[in-house]
Amino acid sequence: MRARRLAATLALTTLALSTLTSLAAAPGPAAADERLDSGLSDHVRHDLAKARKATARFADERKAIKAGYKRDDVCVGSTEGGMGYHYVKEQHIGSTDPAKPAALVYVPGKDGKRHLGALEYVVLDRDKNVNTDDDRPRAFGRGFDGPMPGHAPKMPVHYDLHVWLYKHNPDGLLAMFNPDVRCPAS
């Protein structure tokens, strides 16, 4: 099953991204709401609220794991910024429903704990061709990034979209990388 193969390789994705890219605690709900609601359409605000309502409980990492998100211990990052730790729920690969992200992205905090920072939506590319994008999915008022090759062996061509719902990203709410995310030294 394609979704199962993708889920199995997403853990490797984080390792590959950390070598391919050169490119903290989460703000409280009031700060997140104020930051997100400025200048967005009603439809996007509605989708963000739906995503927030469905995922806020995952601020507690244990609840994410209990809900079927697989913990990963590879932090994607570089000296210039990063993403964090990707916890993947394979049943949500292919979803553009704001309430069903394929991955929860936890960022390392100054306290040594992981804090929910972003959501990631992953959709497989129908024709597996990085040169065509007639099936580009959309969510939160924007097309997904991609299509892009897999970031690890056996990972298929796909689209993805990060939503920095719980950690401010100076590069933007829907930017792939966050310059304020730093992975711990190995």
N, C-alpha and C. Protein backbone atom coordinates (compact mmCIF):
# COMPACT_ATOMS: atom_id res chain seq x y z
N MET A 1 0.84 -1.18 0.00
CA MET A 1 0.00 0.00 0.00
C MET A 1 0.89 1.25 0.00
N ARG A 2 0.59 2.18 -0.92
CA ARG A 2 1.44 3.37 -1.07
C ARG A 2 1.51 4.19 0.20
N ALA A 3 0.40 4.38 0.87
CA ALA A 3 0.38 5.19 2.09
C ALA A 3 1.25 4.56 3.17
N ARG A 4 1.21 3.25 3.29
CA ARG A 4 2.02 2.56 4.30
C ARG A 4 3.50 2.71 3.99
N ARG A 5 3.88 2.60 2.69
CA ARG A 5 5.29 2.78 2.31
C ARG A 5 5.73 4.20 2.62
N LEU A 6 4.86 5.17 2.33
CA LEU A 6 5.21 6.56 2.60
C LEU A 6 5.41 6.77 4.09
N ALA A 7 4.50 6.24 4.89
CA ALA A 7 4.61 6.40 6.34
C ALA A 7 5.91 5.79 6.85
N ALA A 8 6.26 4.64 6.30
CA ALA A 8 7.48 3.98 6.74
C ALA A 8 8.72 4.79 6.38
N THR A 9 8.65 5.51 5.27
CA THR A 9 9.83 6.27 4.84
C THR A 9 9.84 7.70 5.34
N LEU A 10 8.73 8.19 5.87
CA LEU A 10 8.72 9.57 6.38
C LEU A 10 9.71 9.74 7.53
N ALA A 11 9.90 8.70 8.32
CA ALA A 11 10.90 8.79 9.39
C ALA A 11 12.28 9.01 8.79
N LEU A 12 12.57 8.32 7.68
CA LEU A 12 13.85 8.52 7.00
C LEU A 12 13.89 9.89 6.34
N THR A 13 12.74 10.42 6.00
CA THR A 13 12.65 11.73 5.38
C THR A 13 13.31 12.79 6.24
N THR A 14 13.05 12.73 7.51
CA THR A 14 13.59 13.75 8.40
C THR A 14 15.11 13.73 8.40
N LEU A 15 15.69 12.54 8.36
CA LEU A 15 17.14 12.44 8.31
C LEU A 15 17.67 12.98 6.99
N ALA A 16 17.02 12.63 5.89
CA ALA A 16 17.47 13.10 4.58
C ALA A 16 17.32 14.60 4.47
N LEU A 17 16.23 15.15 4.94
CA LEU A 17 16.02 16.59 4.87
C LEU A 17 17.10 17.34 5.66
N SER A 18 17.49 16.79 6.79
CA SER A 18 18.47 17.50 7.60
C SER A 18 19.81 17.61 6.88
N THR A 19 20.12 16.65 6.00
CA THR A 19 21.37 16.74 5.27
C THR A 19 21.21 17.49 3.95
N LEU A 20 19.98 17.58 3.45
CA LEU A 20 19.75 18.24 2.17
C LEU A 20 19.45 19.73 2.31
N THR A 21 19.09 20.16 3.47
CA THR A 21 18.68 21.54 3.63
C THR A 21 19.79 22.39 4.23
N SER A 22 19.88 23.60 3.76
CA SER A 22 20.75 24.56 4.42
C SER A 22 19.90 25.74 4.77
N LEU A 23 18.96 25.39 4.38
CA LEU A 23 18.08 26.50 4.52
C LEU A 23 18.59 27.22 5.72
N ALA A 24 11.61 27.09 22.74
CA ALA A 24 10.87 27.26 21.87
C ALA A 24 9.54 26.83 22.33
N ALA A 25 9.40 27.22 22.74
CA ALA A 25 8.06 26.87 23.25
C ALA A 25 7.01 27.52 22.38
N ALA A 26 5.87 26.85 22.25
CA ALA A 26 4.79 27.36 21.42
C ALA A 26 4.11 28.53 22.13
N PRO A 27 3.63 29.50 21.33
CA PRO A 27 2.90 30.60 21.96
C PRO A 27 1.58 30.10 22.54
N GLY A 28 1.07 30.81 23.52
CA GLY A 28 -0.23 30.45 24.07
C GLY A 28 -1.33 30.67 23.04
N PRO A 29 -2.51 30.12 23.30
CA PRO A 29 -3.61 30.23 22.34
C PRO A 29 -3.95 31.66 21.94
N ALA A 30 -3.93 32.60 22.88
CA ALA A 30 -4.28 33.98 22.52
C ALA A 30 -3.26 34.56 21.55
N ALA A 31 -1.97 34.31 21.78
CA ALA A 31 -0.94 34.81 20.89
C ALA A 31 -1.07 34.18 19.51
N ALA A 32 -1.37 32.90 19.47
CA ALA A 32 -1.51 32.21 18.19
C ALA A 32 -2.71 32.77 17.43
N ASP A 33 -3.84 32.98 18.12
CA ASP A 33 -5.03 33.50 17.45
C ASP A 33 -4.78 34.88 16.87
N GLU A 34 -4.18 35.75 17.64
CA GLU A 34 -3.91 37.12 17.18
C GLU A 34 -2.98 37.10 15.97
N ARG A 35 -1.95 36.31 16.02
CA ARG A 35 -0.98 36.22 14.94
C ARG A 35 -1.61 35.66 13.68
N LEU A 36 -2.45 34.63 13.81
CA LEU A 36 -2.98 33.94 12.64
C LEU A 36 -4.13 34.68 11.97
N ASP A 37 -4.92 35.41 12.73
CA ASP A 37 -6.14 35.98 12.18
C ASP A 37 -5.93 37.27 11.41
N SER A 38 -4.77 37.84 11.47
CA SER A 38 -4.50 39.10 10.81
C SER A 38 -4.39 38.93 9.29
N GLY A 39 -5.29 39.59 8.55
CA GLY A 39 -5.19 39.64 7.09
C GLY A 39 -5.57 38.38 6.36
N LEU A 40 -6.20 37.41 6.99
CA LEU A 40 -6.58 36.17 6.32
C LEU A 40 -8.05 36.18 5.96
N SER A 41 -8.39 35.44 4.90
CA SER A 41 -9.79 35.34 4.50
C SER A 41 -10.59 34.58 5.55
N ASP A 42 -11.89 34.76 5.53
CA ASP A 42 -12.75 34.04 6.48
C ASP A 42 -12.60 32.53 6.31
N HIS A 43 -12.47 32.08 5.07
CA HIS A 43 -12.33 30.64 4.81
C HIS A 43 -11.04 30.09 5.44
N VAL A 44 -9.94 30.81 5.27
CA VAL A 44 -8.67 30.36 5.85
C VAL A 44 -8.74 30.41 7.36
N ARG A 45 -9.32 31.46 7.93
CA ARG A 45 -9.47 31.53 9.39
C ARG A 45 -10.31 30.36 9.91
N HIS A 46 -11.36 30.02 9.18
CA HIS A 46 -12.21 28.88 9.55
C HIS A 46 -11.39 27.58 9.55
N ASP A 47 -10.59 27.37 8.49
CA ASP A 47 -9.77 26.16 8.40
C ASP A 47 -8.72 26.11 9.51
N LEU A 48 -8.11 27.25 9.81
CA LEU A 48 -7.13 27.29 10.89
C LEU A 48 -7.78 26.97 12.24
N ALA A 49 -8.97 27.50 12.46
CA ALA A 49 -9.69 27.22 13.70
C ALA A 49 -10.04 25.73 13.79
N LYS A 50 -10.43 25.15 12.66
CA LYS A 50 -10.75 23.71 12.64
C LYS A 50 -9.50 22.89 12.96
N ALA A 51 -8.37 23.25 12.36
CA ALA A 51 -7.12 22.55 12.63
C ALA A 51 -6.71 22.70 14.10
N ARG A 52 -6.83 23.90 14.61
CA ARG A 52 -6.47 24.17 16.01
C ARG A 52 -7.34 23.36 16.96
N LYS A 53 -8.66 23.34 16.69
CA LYS A 53 -9.59 22.60 17.55
C LYS A 53 -9.26 21.11 17.55
N ALA A 54 -8.90 20.57 16.39
CA ALA A 54 -8.63 19.13 16.28
C ALA A 54 -7.27 18.73 16.83
N THR A 55 -6.33 19.66 16.89
CA THR A 55 -4.95 19.28 17.24
C THR A 55 -4.43 19.88 18.55
N ALA A 56 -5.11 20.81 19.14
CA ALA A 56 -4.61 21.46 20.36
C ALA A 56 -4.28 20.46 21.46
N ARG A 57 -5.05 19.38 21.54
CA ARG A 57 -4.80 18.37 22.58
C ARG A 57 -3.44 17.70 22.41
N PHE A 58 -2.88 17.78 21.18
CA PHE A 58 -1.60 17.14 20.92
C PHE A 58 -0.42 17.96 21.42
N ALA A 59 -0.70 19.06 22.10
CA ALA A 59 0.37 19.77 22.81
C ALA A 59 0.99 18.79 23.80
N ASP A 60 0.17 17.86 24.27
CA ASP A 60 0.65 16.76 25.11
C ASP A 60 1.05 15.63 24.16
N GLU A 61 2.33 15.44 24.01
CA GLU A 61 2.89 14.44 23.08
C GLU A 61 2.29 13.05 23.31
N ARG A 62 2.01 12.71 24.55
CA ARG A 62 1.44 11.39 24.86
C ARG A 62 0.09 11.20 24.20
N LYS A 63 -0.69 12.27 24.10
CA LYS A 63 -2.00 12.17 23.45
C LYS A 63 -1.86 11.96 21.95
N ALA A 64 -0.83 12.53 21.36
CA ALA A 64 -0.58 12.33 19.93
C ALA A 64 -0.24 10.87 19.66
N ILE A 65 0.61 10.31 20.48
CA ILE A 65 1.02 8.91 20.32
C ILE A 65 -0.18 7.99 20.53
N LYS A 66 -0.98 8.28 21.53
CA LYS A 66 -2.18 7.48 21.80
C LYS A 66 -3.16 7.56 20.63
N ALA A 67 -3.18 8.68 19.91
CA ALA A 67 -4.08 8.87 18.77
C ALA A 67 -3.53 8.25 17.49
N GLY A 68 -2.35 7.63 17.54
CA GLY A 68 -1.82 6.93 16.38
C GLY A 68 -0.69 7.62 15.64
N TYR A 69 -0.22 8.75 16.14
CA TYR A 69 0.94 9.41 15.52
C TYR A 69 2.21 8.70 16.02
N LYS A 70 3.05 8.30 15.11
CA LYS A 70 4.27 7.55 15.45
C LYS A 70 5.41 8.52 15.78
N ARG A 71 5.92 8.40 16.97
CA ARG A 71 7.02 9.25 17.44
C ARG A 71 8.27 8.99 16.61
N ASP A 72 9.02 10.05 16.34
CA ASP A 72 10.28 9.95 15.62
C ASP A 72 11.32 10.72 16.41
N ASP A 73 12.53 10.21 16.43
CA ASP A 73 13.59 10.84 17.21
C ASP A 73 14.65 11.53 16.37
N VAL A 74 14.34 11.80 15.10
CA VAL A 74 15.26 12.53 14.23
C VAL A 74 14.72 13.96 14.09
N CYS A 75 15.51 14.92 14.51
CA CYS A 75 15.12 16.32 14.41
C CYS A 75 15.66 16.87 13.09
N VAL A 76 14.76 17.40 12.27
CA VAL A 76 15.16 17.99 10.99
C VAL A 76 15.54 19.43 11.23
N GLY A 77 16.80 19.74 10.95
CA GLY A 77 17.25 21.10 11.15
C GLY A 77 18.68 21.29 10.71
N SER A 78 19.08 22.53 10.69
CA SER A 78 20.45 22.89 10.37
C SER A 78 20.79 24.13 11.20
N THR A 79 21.96 24.66 11.02
CA THR A 79 22.33 25.85 11.78
C THR A 79 21.50 27.07 11.37
N GLU A 80 20.83 27.00 10.23
CA GLU A 80 20.02 28.12 9.75
C GLU A 80 18.54 28.00 10.07
N GLY A 81 18.12 26.92 10.69
CA GLY A 81 16.71 26.72 11.02
C GLY A 81 16.30 25.30 10.75
N GLY A 82 15.02 25.02 10.85
CA GLY A 82 14.60 23.65 10.62
C GLY A 82 13.12 23.46 10.76
N MET A 83 12.78 22.22 11.08
CA MET A 83 11.39 21.82 11.27
C MET A 83 11.20 21.29 12.69
N GLY A 84 11.87 20.19 12.98
CA GLY A 84 11.69 19.54 14.26
C GLY A 84 11.47 18.06 14.06
N TYR A 85 10.73 17.44 14.97
CA TYR A 85 10.47 16.01 14.95
C TYR A 85 9.10 15.75 14.33
N HIS A 86 9.04 14.87 13.34
CA HIS A 86 7.79 14.55 12.64
C HIS A 86 7.16 13.29 13.22
N TYR A 87 5.94 13.40 13.70
CA TYR A 87 5.17 12.26 14.18
C TYR A 87 4.10 12.01 13.14
N VAL A 88 4.16 10.85 12.47
CA VAL A 88 3.32 10.57 11.31
C VAL A 88 2.16 9.64 11.66
N LYS A 89 1.01 9.96 11.12
CA LYS A 89 -0.17 9.08 11.19
C LYS A 89 -0.50 8.68 9.77
N GLU A 90 -0.17 7.44 9.40
CA GLU A 90 -0.27 7.02 8.00
C GLU A 90 -1.70 7.10 7.46
N GLN A 91 -2.71 6.92 8.29
CA GLN A 91 -4.09 6.99 7.83
C GLN A 91 -4.45 8.39 7.30
N HIS A 92 -3.70 9.40 7.68
CA HIS A 92 -4.00 10.76 7.25
C HIS A 92 -3.17 11.21 6.04
N ILE A 93 -2.30 10.36 5.54
CA ILE A 93 -1.56 10.70 4.33
C ILE A 93 -2.58 10.78 3.19
N GLY A 94 -2.56 11.87 2.47
CA GLY A 94 -3.53 12.11 1.40
C GLY A 94 -4.64 13.05 1.82
N SER A 95 -4.73 13.38 3.09
CA SER A 95 -5.79 14.26 3.59
C SER A 95 -5.43 15.73 3.40
N THR A 96 -6.43 16.50 2.96
CA THR A 96 -6.33 17.96 2.97
C THR A 96 -7.31 18.55 3.98
N ASP A 97 -7.94 17.68 4.76
CA ASP A 97 -8.86 18.11 5.81
C ASP A 97 -8.04 18.77 6.91
N PRO A 98 -8.33 20.02 7.24
CA PRO A 98 -7.54 20.70 8.28
C PRO A 98 -7.47 19.94 9.60
N ALA A 99 -8.47 19.13 9.89
CA ALA A 99 -8.51 18.38 11.15
C ALA A 99 -7.71 17.08 11.11
N LYS A 100 -7.13 16.75 9.93
CA LYS A 100 -6.43 15.46 9.80
C LYS A 100 -5.04 15.61 9.18
N PRO A 101 -4.12 16.26 9.87
CA PRO A 101 -2.76 16.36 9.33
C PRO A 101 -2.07 15.01 9.31
N ALA A 102 -1.24 14.78 8.31
CA ALA A 102 -0.48 13.53 8.21
C ALA A 102 0.62 13.48 9.26
N ALA A 103 1.12 14.64 9.66
CA ALA A 103 2.20 14.68 10.65
C ALA A 103 2.01 15.85 11.61
N LEU A 104 2.44 15.62 12.82
CA LEU A 104 2.55 16.67 13.83
C LEU A 104 4.04 16.94 13.95
N VAL A 105 4.42 18.19 13.94
CA VAL A 105 5.84 18.54 14.01
C VAL A 105 6.11 19.17 15.37
N TYR A 106 6.95 18.50 16.14
CA TYR A 106 7.32 18.97 17.47
C TYR A 106 8.69 19.64 17.40
N VAL A 107 8.79 20.78 18.05
CA VAL A 107 10.05 21.52 18.06
C VAL A 107 10.71 21.38 19.43
N PRO A 108 12.04 21.33 19.42
CA PRO A 108 12.73 21.23 20.71
C PRO A 108 12.64 22.55 21.47
N GLY A 109 12.31 22.44 22.73
CA GLY A 109 12.21 23.64 23.56
C GLY A 109 13.46 23.85 24.38
N LYS A 110 13.60 25.05 24.90
CA LYS A 110 14.75 25.37 25.74
C LYS A 110 14.74 24.55 27.02
N ASP A 111 13.56 24.06 27.38
CA ASP A 111 13.42 23.24 28.58
C ASP A 111 13.79 21.77 28.34
N GLY A 112 14.22 21.45 27.10
CA GLY A 112 14.60 20.09 26.76
C GLY A 112 13.43 19.21 26.34
N LYS A 113 12.23 19.77 26.39
CA LYS A 113 11.03 19.01 26.00
C LYS A 113 10.64 19.37 24.57
N ARG A 114 9.79 18.54 24.00
CA ARG A 114 9.26 18.79 22.67
C ARG A 114 7.92 19.50 22.79
N HIS A 115 7.74 20.50 21.93
CA HIS A 115 6.52 21.28 21.94
C HIS A 115 5.92 21.27 20.55
N LEU A 116 4.61 21.11 20.48
CA LEU A 116 3.94 21.11 19.19
C LEU A 116 4.17 22.45 18.51
N GLY A 117 4.69 22.41 17.28
CA GLY A 117 5.01 23.63 16.55
C GLY A 117 4.21 23.78 15.28
N ALA A 118 4.07 22.68 14.52
CA ALA A 118 3.44 22.77 13.20
C ALA A 118 2.67 21.50 12.89
N LEU A 119 1.83 21.62 11.88
CA LEU A 119 1.12 20.49 11.30
C LEU A 119 1.66 20.32 9.90
N GLU A 120 1.68 19.08 9.41
CA GLU A 120 2.11 18.86 8.03
C GLU A 120 1.10 17.96 7.34
N TYR A 121 0.72 18.38 6.13
CA TYR A 121 -0.21 17.65 5.28
C TYR A 121 0.60 17.10 4.12
N VAL A 122 0.41 15.81 3.81
CA VAL A 122 1.17 15.14 2.75
C VAL A 122 0.19 14.45 1.82
N VAL A 123 0.35 14.72 0.52
CA VAL A 123 -0.48 14.09 -0.51
C VAL A 123 0.45 13.53 -1.58
N LEU A 124 0.22 12.27 -1.95
CA LEU A 124 1.04 11.64 -2.99
C LEU A 124 0.70 12.21 -4.36
N ASP A 125 1.72 12.33 -5.20
CA ASP A 125 1.53 12.82 -6.57
C ASP A 125 0.99 11.68 -7.43
N ARG A 126 -0.13 11.94 -8.11
CA ARG A 126 -0.78 10.88 -8.90
C ARG A 126 0.12 10.29 -9.97
N ASP A 127 0.78 11.15 -10.77
CA ASP A 127 1.55 10.61 -11.90
C ASP A 127 3.03 10.39 -11.58
N LYS A 128 3.44 10.69 -10.34
CA LYS A 128 4.82 10.47 -9.88
C LYS A 128 5.84 11.21 -10.74
N ASN A 129 5.46 12.35 -11.28
CA ASN A 129 6.32 13.13 -12.16
C ASN A 129 6.51 14.51 -11.55
N VAL A 130 7.73 14.84 -11.15
CA VAL A 130 7.99 16.14 -10.52
C VAL A 130 7.85 17.30 -11.50
N ASN A 131 7.74 17.01 -12.79
CA ASN A 131 7.62 18.07 -13.81
C ASN A 131 6.18 18.44 -14.13
N THR A 132 5.22 17.77 -13.54
CA THR A 132 3.81 18.11 -13.75
C THR A 132 3.15 18.39 -12.41
N ASP A 133 2.21 19.31 -12.40
CA ASP A 133 1.56 19.64 -11.13
C ASP A 133 0.06 19.88 -11.28
N ASP A 134 -0.55 19.20 -12.25
CA ASP A 134 -1.98 19.40 -12.48
C ASP A 134 -2.84 18.81 -11.35
N ASP A 135 -2.24 18.08 -10.43
CA ASP A 135 -3.00 17.52 -9.30
C ASP A 135 -2.57 18.16 -7.97
N ARG A 136 -2.00 19.37 -8.05
CA ARG A 136 -1.53 20.05 -6.83
C ARG A 136 -2.71 20.27 -5.87
N PRO A 137 -2.61 19.74 -4.66
CA PRO A 137 -3.67 19.98 -3.68
C PRO A 137 -3.58 21.39 -3.10
N ARG A 138 -4.67 21.85 -2.51
CA ARG A 138 -4.73 23.16 -1.88
C ARG A 138 -5.34 23.00 -0.49
N ALA A 139 -4.88 23.83 0.41
CA ALA A 139 -5.45 23.92 1.75
C ALA A 139 -5.00 25.26 2.33
N PHE A 140 -5.77 25.78 3.24
CA PHE A 140 -5.44 27.03 3.91
C PHE A 140 -5.18 28.16 2.90
N GLY A 141 -5.90 28.13 1.79
CA GLY A 141 -5.81 29.19 0.80
C GLY A 141 -4.57 29.15 -0.08
N ARG A 142 -3.88 28.02 -0.11
CA ARG A 142 -2.63 27.96 -0.85
C ARG A 142 -2.37 26.57 -1.40
N GLY A 143 -1.68 26.50 -2.53
CA GLY A 143 -1.27 25.21 -3.08
C GLY A 143 -0.14 24.63 -2.24
N PHE A 144 -0.09 23.32 -2.20
CA PHE A 144 0.97 22.62 -1.47
C PHE A 144 2.32 22.84 -2.16
N ASP A 145 3.41 22.66 -1.42
CA ASP A 145 4.75 22.67 -1.98
C ASP A 145 4.95 21.37 -2.76
N GLY A 146 5.67 21.45 -3.88
CA GLY A 146 5.93 20.26 -4.68
C GLY A 146 5.33 20.40 -6.07
N PRO A 147 5.27 19.30 -6.80
CA PRO A 147 5.65 17.97 -6.35
C PRO A 147 7.16 17.87 -6.17
N MET A 148 7.52 17.01 -5.27
CA MET A 148 8.94 16.84 -4.95
C MET A 148 9.26 15.36 -4.84
N PRO A 149 10.51 15.02 -5.16
CA PRO A 149 10.90 13.62 -4.99
C PRO A 149 10.87 13.25 -3.52
N GLY A 150 10.80 11.97 -3.26
CA GLY A 150 10.88 11.51 -1.88
C GLY A 150 12.19 11.95 -1.26
N HIS A 151 12.18 12.14 0.02
CA HIS A 151 13.37 12.59 0.74
C HIS A 151 14.20 11.42 1.26
N ALA A 152 13.76 10.22 0.96
CA ALA A 152 14.45 9.01 1.40
C ALA A 152 14.16 7.91 0.38
N PRO A 153 14.96 6.86 0.37
CA PRO A 153 14.69 5.76 -0.55
C PRO A 153 13.27 5.23 -0.36
N LYS A 154 12.62 4.92 -1.44
CA LYS A 154 11.27 4.35 -1.50
C LYS A 154 10.17 5.35 -1.17
N MET A 155 10.49 6.57 -0.82
CA MET A 155 9.45 7.56 -0.57
C MET A 155 9.01 8.11 -1.92
N PRO A 156 7.72 8.06 -2.21
CA PRO A 156 7.25 8.49 -3.53
C PRO A 156 7.23 10.01 -3.71
N VAL A 157 7.06 10.41 -4.95
CA VAL A 157 6.88 11.83 -5.28
C VAL A 157 5.60 12.29 -4.56
N HIS A 158 5.66 13.46 -3.98
CA HIS A 158 4.54 13.93 -3.17
C HIS A 158 4.52 15.46 -3.11
N TYR A 159 3.45 15.95 -2.52
CA TYR A 159 3.28 17.36 -2.16
C TYR A 159 3.21 17.41 -0.64
N ASP A 160 3.63 18.53 -0.06
CA ASP A 160 3.39 18.71 1.37
C ASP A 160 3.17 20.18 1.70
N LEU A 161 2.57 20.40 2.83
CA LEU A 161 2.29 21.76 3.29
C LEU A 161 2.43 21.78 4.80
N HIS A 162 3.29 22.68 5.29
CA HIS A 162 3.47 22.89 6.73
C HIS A 162 2.62 24.07 7.16
N VAL A 163 2.03 23.96 8.33
CA VAL A 163 1.24 25.04 8.92
C VAL A 163 1.78 25.27 10.32
N TRP A 164 2.47 26.39 10.50
CA TRP A 164 3.10 26.70 11.79
C TRP A 164 2.05 27.31 12.71
N LEU A 165 1.14 26.46 13.15
CA LEU A 165 -0.01 26.87 13.94
C LEU A 165 0.34 27.15 15.39
N TYR A 166 1.37 26.49 15.91
CA TYR A 166 1.68 26.59 17.33
C TYR A 166 3.02 27.24 17.65
N LYS A 167 3.81 27.53 16.65
CA LYS A 167 5.08 28.23 16.86
C LYS A 167 5.19 29.30 15.79
N HIS A 168 5.43 30.51 16.19
CA HIS A 168 5.58 31.60 15.23
C HIS A 168 6.73 31.29 14.28
N ASN A 169 6.50 31.55 13.01
CA ASN A 169 7.54 31.37 11.99
C ASN A 169 7.73 32.72 11.30
N PRO A 170 8.89 33.35 11.47
CA PRO A 170 9.12 34.65 10.84
C PRO A 170 9.08 34.58 9.31
N ASP A 171 9.26 33.38 8.75
CA ASP A 171 9.19 33.24 7.29
C ASP A 171 7.76 33.06 6.79
N GLY A 172 6.82 32.90 7.69
CA GLY A 172 5.42 32.80 7.31
C GLY A 172 4.73 31.57 7.86
N LEU A 173 3.45 31.69 8.02
CA LEU A 173 2.61 30.63 8.57
C LEU A 173 2.74 29.33 7.79
N LEU A 174 2.89 29.40 6.46
CA LEU A 174 2.91 28.21 5.62
C LEU A 174 4.29 27.91 5.03
N ALA A 175 5.33 28.48 5.60
CA ALA A 175 6.70 28.22 5.13
C ALA A 175 7.10 26.80 5.53
N MET A 176 7.95 26.19 4.72
CA MET A 176 8.38 24.82 5.00
C MET A 176 9.30 24.78 6.23
N PHE A 177 10.27 25.67 6.30
CA PHE A 177 11.24 25.69 7.39
C PHE A 177 11.03 26.90 8.27
N ASN A 178 11.45 26.78 9.51
CA ASN A 178 11.31 27.86 10.48
C ASN A 178 12.72 28.24 10.98
N PRO A 179 13.17 29.46 10.71
CA PRO A 179 14.51 29.86 11.15
C PRO A 179 14.66 29.90 12.66
N ASP A 180 13.57 29.87 13.41
CA ASP A 180 13.65 29.88 14.87
C ASP A 180 13.72 28.48 15.47
N VAL A 181 13.70 27.44 14.63
CA VAL A 181 13.78 26.07 15.14
C VAL A 181 15.22 25.60 15.08
N ARG A 182 15.73 25.15 16.19
CA ARG A 182 17.09 24.64 16.29
C ARG A 182 17.03 23.23 16.90
N CYS A 183 17.67 22.30 16.23
CA CYS A 183 17.75 20.94 16.75
C CYS A 183 18.89 20.83 17.75
N PRO A 184 18.74 19.96 18.74
CA PRO A 184 19.83 19.78 19.69
C PRO A 184 21.05 19.18 19.01
N ALA A 185 22.21 19.53 19.51
CA ALA A 185 23.46 18.97 18.97
C ALA A 185 23.49 17.48 19.26
N SER A 186 23.95 16.73 18.29
CA SER A 186 24.01 15.25 18.47
C SER A 186 25.20 14.85 19.28
